[in-house]
Amino acid sequence: MLKKKKIPIICFPKGIKKENYVDFCSIVNPSAISIDYNIDPEWIKDKVNNIPIQGGMDPKILLTEKKNIKKKVNKYLDIFSGYPYIFNLGHGVLPDTDPSIINFVIKTIRERNK
């Protein structure tokens, strides 16, 4: 019903193992695919036929130093440069995450996209 109404669908098939993403995408044909932090971003980019990808970064990274966070954010942005990508975590924000770190991540992304 959603596809008939042309409503975009982002699927998050967490835990299906990487080898199943290709079949999942070909059967479900989502508008975008969200990946968890166990999926290698370089691998998935080459496997899903230009379907936009969302997520992937391990939320535990947000519990580390800002230098490491910036490095990991830039890693994802580098891997998906020129590819339809929505930056996001590979799962939810952990309760121990300092809210100011979320602002730091957003600032890092915005500065890079200037």
PDB file of N, CA and C in Angstrom:
ATOM      1  N   MET A   1       0.806  -1.187   0.000  1.00  0.00           N
ATOM      2  CA  MET A   1       0.000   0.000   0.000  1.00  0.00           C
ATOM      3  C   MET A   1       0.858   1.264   0.000  1.00  0.00           C
ATOM      4  N   LEU A   2       1.938   1.277   0.776  1.00  0.00           N
ATOM      5  CA  LEU A   2       2.800   2.449   0.816  1.00  0.00           C
ATOM      6  C   LEU A   2       3.478   2.695  -0.527  1.00  0.00           C
ATOM      7  N   LYS A   3       3.928   1.623  -1.166  1.00  0.00           N
ATOM      8  CA  LYS A   3       4.584   1.771  -2.462  1.00  0.00           C
ATOM      9  C   LYS A   3       3.618   2.313  -3.507  1.00  0.00           C
ATOM     10  N   LYS A   4       2.362   1.881  -3.446  1.00  0.00           N
ATOM     11  CA  LYS A   4       1.366   2.387  -4.393  1.00  0.00           C
ATOM     12  C   LYS A   4       1.155   3.880  -4.218  1.00  0.00           C
ATOM     13  N   LYS A   5       1.287   4.359  -2.986  1.00  0.00           N
ATOM     14  CA  LYS A   5       1.127   5.789  -2.694  1.00  0.00           C
ATOM     15  C   LYS A   5       2.438   6.550  -2.858  1.00  0.00           C
ATOM     16  N   LYS A   6       3.480   5.833  -3.298  1.00  0.00           N
ATOM     17  CA  LYS A   6       4.809   6.413  -3.535  1.00  0.00           C
ATOM     18  C   LYS A   6       5.407   7.038  -2.268  1.00  0.00           C
ATOM     19  N   ILE A   7       5.156   6.383  -1.141  1.00  0.00           N
ATOM     20  CA  ILE A   7       5.738   6.804   0.126  1.00  0.00           C
ATOM     21  C   ILE A   7       7.062   6.062   0.290  1.00  0.00           C
ATOM     22  N   PRO A   8       8.166   6.800   0.490  1.00  0.00           N
ATOM     23  CA  PRO A   8       9.469   6.135   0.635  1.00  0.00           C
ATOM     24  C   PRO A   8       9.498   5.206   1.848  1.00  0.00           C
ATOM     25  N   ILE A   9      10.177   4.087   1.683  1.00  0.00           N
ATOM     26  CA  ILE A   9      10.281   3.094   2.745  1.00  0.00           C
ATOM     27  C   ILE A   9      11.758   2.831   3.024  1.00  0.00           C
ATOM     28  N   ILE A  10      12.169   3.083   4.282  1.00  0.00           N
ATOM     29  CA  ILE A  10      13.520   2.748   4.719  1.00  0.00           C
ATOM     30  C   ILE A  10      13.399   1.506   5.587  1.00  0.00           C
ATOM     31  N   CYS A  11      14.094   0.445   5.203  1.00  0.00           N
ATOM     32  CA  CYS A  11      14.050  -0.806   5.958  1.00  0.00           C
ATOM     33  C   CYS A  11      15.314  -0.960   6.797  1.00  0.00           C
ATOM     34  N   PHE A  12      15.151  -1.495   7.991  1.00  0.00           N
ATOM     35  CA  PHE A  12      16.268  -1.754   8.897  1.00  0.00           C
ATOM     36  C   PHE A  12      16.227  -3.227   9.307  1.00  0.00           C
ATOM     37  N   PRO A  13      16.783  -4.092   8.465  1.00  0.00           N
ATOM     38  CA  PRO A  13      16.728  -5.527   8.758  1.00  0.00           C
ATOM     39  C   PRO A  13      17.846  -5.970   9.709  1.00  0.00           C
ATOM     40  N   LYS A  14      17.912  -5.353  10.874  1.00  0.00           N
ATOM     41  CA  LYS A  14      18.975  -5.624  11.848  1.00  0.00           C
ATOM     42  C   LYS A  14      19.074  -7.117  12.152  1.00  0.00           C
ATOM     43  N   GLY A  15      20.301  -7.587  12.115  1.00  0.00           N
ATOM     44  CA  GLY A  15      20.576  -8.954  12.512  1.00  0.00           C
ATOM     45  C   GLY A  15      20.388 -10.012  11.440  1.00  0.00           C
ATOM     46  N   ILE A  16      20.149  -9.629  10.179  1.00  0.00           N
ATOM     47  CA  ILE A  16      19.917 -10.652   9.158  1.00  0.00           C
ATOM     48  C   ILE A  16      21.205 -11.207   8.552  1.00  0.00           C
ATOM     49  N   LYS A  17      22.347 -10.744   8.998  1.00  0.00           N
ATOM     50  CA  LYS A  17      23.661 -11.137   8.494  1.00  0.00           C
ATOM     51  C   LYS A  17      23.896 -10.517   7.123  1.00  0.00           C
ATOM     52  N   LYS A  18      25.119 -10.105   6.916  1.00  0.00           N
ATOM     53  CA  LYS A  18      25.424  -9.322   5.715  1.00  0.00           C
ATOM     54  C   LYS A  18      25.094 -10.032   4.413  1.00  0.00           C
ATOM     55  N   GLU A  19      25.313 -11.333   4.347  1.00  0.00           N
ATOM     56  CA  GLU A  19      25.059 -12.030   3.086  1.00  0.00           C
ATOM     57  C   GLU A  19      23.584 -12.028   2.686  1.00  0.00           C
ATOM     58  N   ASN A  20      22.698 -11.713   3.608  1.00  0.00           N
ATOM     59  CA  ASN A  20      21.263 -11.680   3.316  1.00  0.00           C
ATOM     60  C   ASN A  20      20.762 -10.305   2.865  1.00  0.00           C
ATOM     61  N   TYR A  21      21.584  -9.276   2.988  1.00  0.00           N
ATOM     62  CA  TYR A  21      21.154  -7.934   2.588  1.00  0.00           C
ATOM     63  C   TYR A  21      20.840  -7.848   1.099  1.00  0.00           C
ATOM     64  N   VAL A  22      21.640  -8.494   0.290  1.00  0.00           N
ATOM     65  CA  VAL A  22      21.433  -8.438  -1.161  1.00  0.00           C
ATOM     66  C   VAL A  22      20.073  -9.038  -1.522  1.00  0.00           C
ATOM     67  N   ASP A  23      19.785 -10.226  -1.014  1.00  0.00           N
ATOM     68  CA  ASP A  23      18.482 -10.850  -1.280  1.00  0.00           C
ATOM     69  C   ASP A  23      17.346 -10.016  -0.702  1.00  0.00           C
ATOM     70  N   PHE A  24      17.535  -9.514   0.509  1.00  0.00           N
ATOM     71  CA  PHE A  24      16.504  -8.691   1.140  1.00  0.00           C
ATOM     72  C   PHE A  24      16.154  -7.499   0.247  1.00  0.00           C
ATOM     73  N   CYS A  25      17.186  -6.803  -0.221  1.00  0.00           N
ATOM     74  CA  CYS A  25      16.953  -5.617  -1.055  1.00  0.00           C
ATOM     75  C   CYS A  25      16.303  -5.964  -2.383  1.00  0.00           C
ATOM     76  N   SER A  26      16.675  -7.092  -2.967  1.00  0.00           N
ATOM     77  CA  SER A  26      16.077  -7.452  -4.252  1.00  0.00           C
ATOM     78  C   SER A  26      14.622  -7.902  -4.090  1.00  0.00           C
ATOM     79  N   ILE A  27      14.283  -8.491  -2.967  1.00  0.00           N
ATOM     80  CA  ILE A  27      12.905  -8.944  -2.738  1.00  0.00           C
ATOM     81  C   ILE A  27      12.007  -7.794  -2.275  1.00  0.00           C
ATOM     82  N   VAL A  28      12.477  -7.033  -1.292  1.00  0.00           N
ATOM     83  CA  VAL A  28      11.656  -5.978  -0.683  1.00  0.00           C
ATOM     84  C   VAL A  28      11.684  -4.692  -1.516  1.00  0.00           C
ATOM     85  N   ASN A  29      12.806  -4.436  -2.172  1.00  0.00           N
ATOM     86  CA  ASN A  29      12.989  -3.233  -2.978  1.00  0.00           C
ATOM     87  C   ASN A  29      12.672  -1.956  -2.188  1.00  0.00           C
ATOM     88  N   PRO A  30      13.391  -1.736  -1.070  1.00  0.00           N
ATOM     89  CA  PRO A  30      13.121  -0.548  -0.264  1.00  0.00           C
ATOM     90  C   PRO A  30      13.612   0.725  -0.947  1.00  0.00           C
ATOM     91  N   SER A  31      13.097   1.854  -0.493  1.00  0.00           N
ATOM     92  CA  SER A  31      13.577   3.144  -0.993  1.00  0.00           C
ATOM     93  C   SER A  31      14.994   3.404  -0.495  1.00  0.00           C
ATOM     94  N   ALA A  32      15.293   2.890   0.704  1.00  0.00           N
ATOM     95  CA  ALA A  32      16.624   2.992   1.308  1.00  0.00           C
ATOM     96  C   ALA A  32      16.777   1.833   2.281  1.00  0.00           C
ATOM     97  N   ILE A  33      18.033   1.517   2.579  1.00  0.00           N
ATOM     98  CA  ILE A  33      18.317   0.437   3.517  1.00  0.00           C
ATOM     99  C   ILE A  33      19.148   1.000   4.659  1.00  0.00           C
ATOM    100  N   SER A  34      18.736   0.710   5.865  1.00  0.00           N
ATOM    101  CA  SER A  34      19.461   1.135   7.050  1.00  0.00           C
ATOM    102  C   SER A  34      20.314  -0.033   7.530  1.00  0.00           C
ATOM    103  N   ILE A  35      21.575   0.250   7.845  1.00  0.00           N
ATOM    104  CA  ILE A  35      22.490  -0.820   8.251  1.00  0.00           C
ATOM    105  C   ILE A  35      22.857  -0.679   9.722  1.00  0.00           C
ATOM    106  N   ASP A  36      23.077  -1.817  10.365  1.00  0.00           N
ATOM    107  CA  ASP A  36      23.542  -1.768  11.746  1.00  0.00           C
ATOM    108  C   ASP A  36      25.072  -1.712  11.754  1.00  0.00           C
ATOM    109  N   TYR A  37      25.644  -1.586  12.922  1.00  0.00           N
ATOM    110  CA  TYR A  37      27.089  -1.388  13.043  1.00  0.00           C
ATOM    111  C   TYR A  37      27.904  -2.648  12.779  1.00  0.00           C
ATOM    112  N   ASN A  38      27.264  -3.784  12.551  1.00  0.00           N
ATOM    113  CA  ASN A  38      27.991  -5.012  12.211  1.00  0.00           C
ATOM    114  C   ASN A  38      28.205  -5.165  10.703  1.00  0.00           C
ATOM    115  N   ILE A  39      27.632  -4.277   9.928  1.00  0.00           N
ATOM    116  CA  ILE A  39      27.755  -4.356   8.467  1.00  0.00           C
ATOM    117  C   ILE A  39      28.909  -3.469   7.999  1.00  0.00           C
ATOM    118  N   ASP A  40      29.806  -4.045   7.235  1.00  0.00           N
ATOM    119  CA  ASP A  40      30.938  -3.299   6.683  1.00  0.00           C
ATOM    120  C   ASP A  40      30.399  -2.302   5.656  1.00  0.00           C
ATOM    121  N   PRO A  41      30.604  -1.009   5.887  1.00  0.00           N
ATOM    122  CA  PRO A  41      30.031  -0.007   4.969  1.00  0.00           C
ATOM    123  C   PRO A  41      30.560  -0.112   3.534  1.00  0.00           C
ATOM    124  N   GLU A  42      31.831  -0.445   3.380  1.00  0.00           N
ATOM    125  CA  GLU A  42      32.364  -0.584   2.017  1.00  0.00           C
ATOM    126  C   GLU A  42      31.751  -1.775   1.305  1.00  0.00           C
ATOM    127  N   TRP A  43      31.531  -2.843   2.022  1.00  0.00           N
ATOM    128  CA  TRP A  43      30.933  -4.041   1.429  1.00  0.00           C
ATOM    129  C   TRP A  43      29.510  -3.751   0.965  1.00  0.00           C
ATOM    130  N   ILE A  44      28.694  -3.177   1.842  1.00  0.00           N
ATOM    131  CA  ILE A  44      27.273  -2.957   1.515  1.00  0.00           C
ATOM    132  C   ILE A  44      27.109  -1.984   0.356  1.00  0.00           C
ATOM    133  N   LYS A  45      27.957  -0.985   0.301  1.00  0.00           N
ATOM    134  CA  LYS A  45      27.872   0.015  -0.772  1.00  0.00           C
ATOM    135  C   LYS A  45      27.986  -0.637  -2.147  1.00  0.00           C
ATOM    136  N   ASP A  46      28.799  -1.663  -2.235  1.00  0.00           N
ATOM    137  CA  ASP A  46      29.009  -2.335  -3.511  1.00  0.00           C
ATOM    138  C   ASP A  46      27.987  -3.432  -3.806  1.00  0.00           C
ATOM    139  N   LYS A  47      27.088  -3.700  -2.871  1.00  0.00           N
ATOM    140  CA  LYS A  47      26.191  -4.850  -3.008  1.00  0.00           C
ATOM    141  C   LYS A  47      24.721  -4.521  -3.257  1.00  0.00           C
ATOM    142  N   VAL A  48      24.291  -3.299  -2.985  1.00  0.00           N
ATOM    143  CA  VAL A  48      22.844  -3.036  -3.014  1.00  0.00           C
ATOM    144  C   VAL A  48      22.386  -2.167  -4.191  1.00  0.00           C
ATOM    145  N   ASN A  49      23.159  -2.160  -5.255  1.00  0.00           N
ATOM    146  CA  ASN A  49      22.744  -1.531  -6.513  1.00  0.00           C
ATOM    147  C   ASN A  49      22.267  -0.092  -6.376  1.00  0.00           C
ATOM    148  N   ASN A  50      23.063   0.716  -5.685  1.00  0.00           N
ATOM    149  CA  ASN A  50      22.804   2.151  -5.569  1.00  0.00           C
ATOM    150  C   ASN A  50      21.551   2.514  -4.763  1.00  0.00           C
ATOM    151  N   ILE A  51      21.028   1.562  -3.990  1.00  0.00           N
ATOM    152  CA  ILE A  51      19.940   1.885  -3.064  1.00  0.00           C
ATOM    153  C   ILE A  51      20.542   2.789  -1.989  1.00  0.00           C
ATOM    154  N   PRO A  52      19.913   3.903  -1.665  1.00  0.00           N
ATOM    155  CA  PRO A  52      20.445   4.751  -0.596  1.00  0.00           C
ATOM    156  C   PRO A  52      20.631   3.955   0.703  1.00  0.00           C
ATOM    157  N   ILE A  53      21.705   4.289   1.404  1.00  0.00           N
ATOM    158  CA  ILE A  53      22.044   3.617   2.658  1.00  0.00           C
ATOM    159  C   ILE A  53      21.991   4.624   3.791  1.00  0.00           C
ATOM    160  N   GLN A  54      21.502   4.152   4.935  1.00  0.00           N
ATOM    161  CA  GLN A  54      21.442   4.979   6.136  1.00  0.00           C
ATOM    162  C   GLN A  54      22.150   4.242   7.267  1.00  0.00           C
ATOM    163  N   GLY A  55      22.892   4.985   8.074  1.00  0.00           N
ATOM    164  CA  GLY A  55      23.406   4.442   9.329  1.00  0.00           C
ATOM    165  C   GLY A  55      24.738   3.760   9.253  1.00  0.00           C
ATOM    166  N   GLY A  56      24.949   2.886  10.229  1.00  0.00           N
ATOM    167  CA  GLY A  56      26.127   2.044  10.254  1.00  0.00           C
ATOM    168  C   GLY A  56      27.102   2.303  11.382  1.00  0.00           C
ATOM    169  N   MET A  57      27.201   3.522  11.869  1.00  0.00           N
ATOM    170  CA  MET A  57      28.229   3.787  12.873  1.00  0.00           C
ATOM    171  C   MET A  57      27.823   3.221  14.238  1.00  0.00           C
ATOM    172  N   ASP A  58      28.759   2.569  14.884  1.00  0.00           N
ATOM    173  CA  ASP A  58      28.529   1.957  16.191  1.00  0.00           C
ATOM    174  C   ASP A  58      28.260   3.053  17.226  1.00  0.00           C
ATOM    175  N   PRO A  59      27.138   3.001  17.939  1.00  0.00           N
ATOM    176  CA  PRO A  59      26.841   4.038  18.933  1.00  0.00           C
ATOM    177  C   PRO A  59      27.845   4.086  20.081  1.00  0.00           C
ATOM    178  N   LYS A  60      28.602   3.017  20.293  1.00  0.00           N
ATOM    179  CA  LYS A  60      29.624   3.018  21.344  1.00  0.00           C
ATOM    180  C   LYS A  60      30.735   4.019  21.035  1.00  0.00           C
ATOM    181  N   ILE A  61      30.904   4.337  19.763  1.00  0.00           N
ATOM    182  CA  ILE A  61      31.920   5.315  19.372  1.00  0.00           C
ATOM    183  C   ILE A  61      31.637   6.670  20.021  1.00  0.00           C
ATOM    184  N   LEU A  62      30.373   6.976  20.253  1.00  0.00           N
ATOM    185  CA  LEU A  62      30.018   8.252  20.868  1.00  0.00           C
ATOM    186  C   LEU A  62      30.433   8.333  22.339  1.00  0.00           C
ATOM    187  N   LEU A  63      30.907   7.234  22.896  1.00  0.00           N
ATOM    188  CA  LEU A  63      31.385   7.209  24.280  1.00  0.00           C
ATOM    189  C   LEU A  63      32.900   7.402  24.349  1.00  0.00           C
ATOM    190  N   THR A  64      33.540   7.626  23.211  1.00  0.00           N
ATOM    191  CA  THR A  64      34.991   7.794  23.156  1.00  0.00           C
ATOM    192  C   THR A  64      35.347   9.272  23.018  1.00  0.00           C
ATOM    193  N   GLU A  65      36.637   9.550  22.845  1.00  0.00           N
ATOM    194  CA  GLU A  65      37.127  10.928  22.715  1.00  0.00           C
ATOM    195  C   GLU A  65      36.626  11.576  21.423  1.00  0.00           C
ATOM    196  N   LYS A  66      36.507  12.900  21.461  1.00  0.00           N
ATOM    197  CA  LYS A  66      36.021  13.636  20.288  1.00  0.00           C
ATOM    198  C   LYS A  66      36.890  13.399  19.057  1.00  0.00           C
ATOM    199  N   LYS A  67      38.188  13.280  19.254  1.00  0.00           N
ATOM    200  CA  LYS A  67      39.094  13.041  18.118  1.00  0.00           C
ATOM    201  C   LYS A  67      38.724  11.734  17.411  1.00  0.00           C
ATOM    202  N   ASN A  68      38.455  10.693  18.187  1.00  0.00           N
ATOM    203  CA  ASN A  68      38.073   9.403  17.615  1.00  0.00           C
ATOM    204  C   ASN A  68      36.696   9.476  16.967  1.00  0.00           C
ATOM    205  N   ILE A  69      35.768  10.175  17.608  1.00  0.00           N
ATOM    206  CA  ILE A  69      34.413  10.325  17.045  1.00  0.00           C
ATOM    207  C   ILE A  69      34.494  10.999  15.686  1.00  0.00           C
ATOM    208  N   LYS A  70      35.239  12.090  15.626  1.00  0.00           N
ATOM    209  CA  LYS A  70      35.374  12.821  14.353  1.00  0.00           C
ATOM    210  C   LYS A  70      35.994  11.929  13.276  1.00  0.00           C
ATOM    211  N   LYS A  71      36.997  11.146  13.658  1.00  0.00           N
ATOM    212  CA  LYS A  71      37.652  10.231  12.718  1.00  0.00           C
ATOM    213  C   LYS A  71      36.649   9.214  12.176  1.00  0.00           C
ATOM    214  N   LYS A  72      35.830   8.633  13.046  1.00  0.00           N
ATOM    215  CA  LYS A  72      34.854   7.621  12.620  1.00  0.00           C
ATOM    216  C   LYS A  72      33.738   8.226  11.775  1.00  0.00           C
ATOM    217  N   VAL A  73      33.265   9.414  12.152  1.00  0.00           N
ATOM    218  CA  VAL A  73      32.241  10.096  11.349  1.00  0.00           C
ATOM    219  C   VAL A  73      32.791  10.340   9.949  1.00  0.00           C
ATOM    220  N   ASN A  74      34.009  10.863   9.884  1.00  0.00           N
ATOM    221  CA  ASN A  74      34.616  11.137   8.576  1.00  0.00           C
ATOM    222  C   ASN A  74      34.868   9.870   7.774  1.00  0.00           C
ATOM    223  N   LYS A  75      35.133   8.764   8.469  1.00  0.00           N
ATOM    224  CA  LYS A  75      35.305   7.491   7.758  1.00  0.00           C
ATOM    225  C   LYS A  75      34.034   7.144   6.987  1.00  0.00           C
ATOM    226  N   TYR A  76      32.878   7.250   7.660  1.00  0.00           N
ATOM    227  CA  TYR A  76      31.617   6.943   6.979  1.00  0.00           C
ATOM    228  C   TYR A  76      31.340   7.933   5.853  1.00  0.00           C
ATOM    229  N   LEU A  77      31.605   9.193   6.098  1.00  0.00           N
ATOM    230  CA  LEU A  77      31.373  10.195   5.053  1.00  0.00           C
ATOM    231  C   LEU A  77      32.312   9.981   3.863  1.00  0.00           C
ATOM    232  N   ASP A  78      33.541   9.555   4.128  1.00  0.00           N
ATOM    233  CA  ASP A  78      34.481   9.256   3.042  1.00  0.00           C
ATOM    234  C   ASP A  78      34.029   8.043   2.237  1.00  0.00           C
ATOM    235  N   ILE A  79      33.662   6.990   2.939  1.00  0.00           N
ATOM    236  CA  ILE A  79      33.236   5.760   2.252  1.00  0.00           C
ATOM    237  C   ILE A  79      32.042   6.036   1.341  1.00  0.00           C
ATOM    238  N   PHE A  80      31.096   6.827   1.822  1.00  0.00           N
ATOM    239  CA  PHE A  80      29.868   7.061   1.064  1.00  0.00           C
ATOM    240  C   PHE A  80      29.881   8.363   0.261  1.00  0.00           C
ATOM    241  N   SER A  81      31.044   8.968   0.134  1.00  0.00           N
ATOM    242  CA  SER A  81      31.153  10.190  -0.677  1.00  0.00           C
ATOM    243  C   SER A  81      30.694   9.891  -2.103  1.00  0.00           C
ATOM    244  N   GLY A  82      29.770  10.669  -2.604  1.00  0.00           N
ATOM    245  CA  GLY A  82      29.253  10.462  -3.950  1.00  0.00           C
ATOM    246  C   GLY A  82      28.201   9.369  -4.041  1.00  0.00           C
ATOM    247  N   TYR A  83      27.855   8.771  -2.939  1.00  0.00           N
ATOM    248  CA  TYR A  83      26.848   7.703  -2.894  1.00  0.00           C
ATOM    249  C   TYR A  83      25.646   8.235  -2.115  1.00  0.00           C
ATOM    250  N   PRO A  84      24.424   7.836  -2.449  1.00  0.00           N
ATOM    251  CA  PRO A  84      23.264   8.309  -1.684  1.00  0.00           C
ATOM    252  C   PRO A  84      23.301   7.739  -0.260  1.00  0.00           C
ATOM    253  N   TYR A  85      23.624   8.589   0.702  1.00  0.00           N
ATOM    254  CA  TYR A  85      23.851   8.148   2.078  1.00  0.00           C
ATOM    255  C   TYR A  85      23.246   9.119   3.084  1.00  0.00           C
ATOM    256  N   ILE A  86      22.642   8.554   4.117  1.00  0.00           N
ATOM    257  CA  ILE A  86      22.097   9.325   5.238  1.00  0.00           C
ATOM    258  C   ILE A  86      22.923   8.936   6.455  1.00  0.00           C
ATOM    259  N   PHE A  87      23.689   9.889   6.982  1.00  0.00           N
ATOM    260  CA  PHE A  87      24.501   9.564   8.152  1.00  0.00           C
ATOM    261  C   PHE A  87      23.586   9.276   9.338  1.00  0.00           C
ATOM    262  N   ASN A  88      23.913   8.204  10.056  1.00  0.00           N
ATOM    263  CA  ASN A  88      23.155   7.825  11.244  1.00  0.00           C
ATOM    264  C   ASN A  88      23.953   6.748  11.968  1.00  0.00           C
ATOM    265  N   LEU A  89      23.515   6.453  13.168  1.00  0.00           N
ATOM    266  CA  LEU A  89      24.123   5.358  13.914  1.00  0.00           C
ATOM    267  C   LEU A  89      23.573   4.034  13.407  1.00  0.00           C
ATOM    268  N   GLY A  90      24.280   2.972  13.739  1.00  0.00           N
ATOM    269  CA  GLY A  90      23.831   1.633  13.371  1.00  0.00           C
ATOM    270  C   GLY A  90      22.862   1.054  14.378  1.00  0.00           C
ATOM    271  N   HIS A  91      22.435   1.843  15.304  1.00  0.00           N
ATOM    272  CA  HIS A  91      21.412   1.517  16.297  1.00  0.00           C
ATOM    273  C   HIS A  91      21.229   2.764  17.130  1.00  0.00           C
ATOM    274  N   GLY A  92      20.403   2.738  18.142  1.00  0.00           N
ATOM    275  CA  GLY A  92      20.075   3.936  18.906  1.00  0.00           C
ATOM    276  C   GLY A  92      21.212   4.504  19.736  1.00  0.00           C
ATOM    277  N   VAL A  93      21.009   5.722  20.196  1.00  0.00           N
ATOM    278  CA  VAL A  93      21.962   6.396  21.078  1.00  0.00           C
ATOM    279  C   VAL A  93      21.921   5.700  22.443  1.00  0.00           C
ATOM    280  N   LEU A  94      23.092   5.388  22.969  1.00  0.00           N
ATOM    281  CA  LEU A  94      23.181   4.716  24.262  1.00  0.00           C
ATOM    282  C   LEU A  94      22.860   5.684  25.403  1.00  0.00           C
ATOM    283  N   PRO A  95      22.263   5.204  26.488  1.00  0.00           N
ATOM    284  CA  PRO A  95      21.884   6.076  27.612  1.00  0.00           C
ATOM    285  C   PRO A  95      23.057   6.860  28.210  1.00  0.00           C
ATOM    286  N   ASP A  96      24.270   6.312  28.153  1.00  0.00           N
ATOM    287  CA  ASP A  96      25.436   6.987  28.726  1.00  0.00           C
ATOM    288  C   ASP A  96      26.026   8.068  27.828  1.00  0.00           C
ATOM    289  N   THR A  97      25.460   8.262  26.651  1.00  0.00           N
ATOM    290  CA  THR A  97      25.991   9.237  25.701  1.00  0.00           C
ATOM    291  C   THR A  97      25.681  10.651  26.171  1.00  0.00           C
ATOM    292  N   ASP A  98      26.705  11.473  26.211  1.00  0.00           N
ATOM    293  CA  ASP A  98      26.558  12.890  26.565  1.00  0.00           C
ATOM    294  C   ASP A  98      25.829  13.581  25.404  1.00  0.00           C
ATOM    295  N   PRO A  99      24.706  14.240  25.679  1.00  0.00           N
ATOM    296  CA  PRO A  99      23.960  14.910  24.597  1.00  0.00           C
ATOM    297  C   PRO A  99      24.803  15.911  23.800  1.00  0.00           C
ATOM    298  N   SER A 100      25.805  16.500  24.417  1.00  0.00           N
ATOM    299  CA  SER A 100      26.643  17.455  23.685  1.00  0.00           C
ATOM    300  C   SER A 100      27.440  16.760  22.580  1.00  0.00           C
ATOM    301  N   ILE A 101      27.656  15.458  22.729  1.00  0.00           N
ATOM    302  CA  ILE A 101      28.370  14.709  21.691  1.00  0.00           C
ATOM    303  C   ILE A 101      27.528  14.621  20.420  1.00  0.00           C
ATOM    304  N   ILE A 102      26.222  14.528  20.563  1.00  0.00           N
ATOM    305  CA  ILE A 102      25.339  14.516  19.381  1.00  0.00           C
ATOM    306  C   ILE A 102      25.504  15.829  18.628  1.00  0.00           C
ATOM    307  N   ASN A 103      25.547  16.926  19.359  1.00  0.00           N
ATOM    308  CA  ASN A 103      25.775  18.231  18.724  1.00  0.00           C
ATOM    309  C   ASN A 103      27.138  18.275  18.041  1.00  0.00           C
ATOM    310  N   PHE A 104      28.150  17.673  18.658  1.00  0.00           N
ATOM    311  CA  PHE A 104      29.482  17.616  18.062  1.00  0.00           C
ATOM    312  C   PHE A 104      29.457  16.848  16.740  1.00  0.00           C
ATOM    313  N   VAL A 105      28.752  15.735  16.700  1.00  0.00           N
ATOM    314  CA  VAL A 105      28.644  14.939  15.470  1.00  0.00           C
ATOM    315  C   VAL A 105      27.951  15.757  14.378  1.00  0.00           C
ATOM    316  N   ILE A 106      26.854  16.400  14.721  1.00  0.00           N
ATOM    317  CA  ILE A 106      26.129  17.228  13.746  1.00  0.00           C
ATOM    318  C   ILE A 106      27.026  18.342  13.220  1.00  0.00           C
ATOM    319  N   LYS A 107      27.748  18.987  14.120  1.00  0.00           N
ATOM    320  CA  LYS A 107      28.659  20.065  13.718  1.00  0.00           C
ATOM    321  C   LYS A 107      29.751  19.517  12.789  1.00  0.00           C
ATOM    322  N   THR A 108      30.289  18.346  13.112  1.00  0.00           N
ATOM    323  CA  THR A 108      31.325  17.725  12.285  1.00  0.00           C
ATOM    324  C   THR A 108      30.803  17.484  10.868  1.00  0.00           C
ATOM    325  N   ILE A 109      29.598  16.975  10.750  1.00  0.00           N
ATOM    326  CA  ILE A 109      28.998  16.690   9.440  1.00  0.00           C
ATOM    327  C   ILE A 109      28.735  17.993   8.683  1.00  0.00           C
ATOM    328  N   ARG A 110      28.157  18.959   9.368  1.00  0.00           N
ATOM    329  CA  ARG A 110      27.843  20.239   8.699  1.00  0.00           C
ATOM    330  C   ARG A 110      29.085  20.962   8.235  1.00  0.00           C
ATOM    331  N   GLU A 111      30.148  20.953   9.038  1.00  0.00           N
ATOM    332  CA  GLU A 111      31.384  21.612   8.637  1.00  0.00           C
ATOM    333  C   GLU A 111      31.987  20.957   7.409  1.00  0.00           C
ATOM    334  N   ARG A 112      31.869  19.677   7.356  1.00  0.00           N
ATOM    335  CA  ARG A 112      32.414  18.949   6.205  1.00  0.00           C
ATOM    336  C   ARG A 112      31.602  19.215   4.940  1.00  0.00           C
ATOM    337  N   ASN A 113      30.311  19.419   5.073  1.00  0.00           N
ATOM    338  CA  ASN A 113      29.450  19.607   3.916  1.00  0.00           C
ATOM    339  C   ASN A 113      29.330  21.060   3.461  1.00  0.00           C
ATOM    340  N   LYS A 114      30.141  21.944   4.014  1.00  0.00           N
ATOM    341  CA  LYS A 114      30.106  23.351   3.577  1.00  0.00           C
ATOM    342  C   LYS A 114      30.712  23.505   2.209  1.00  0.00           C
TER     343      LYS A 114
END
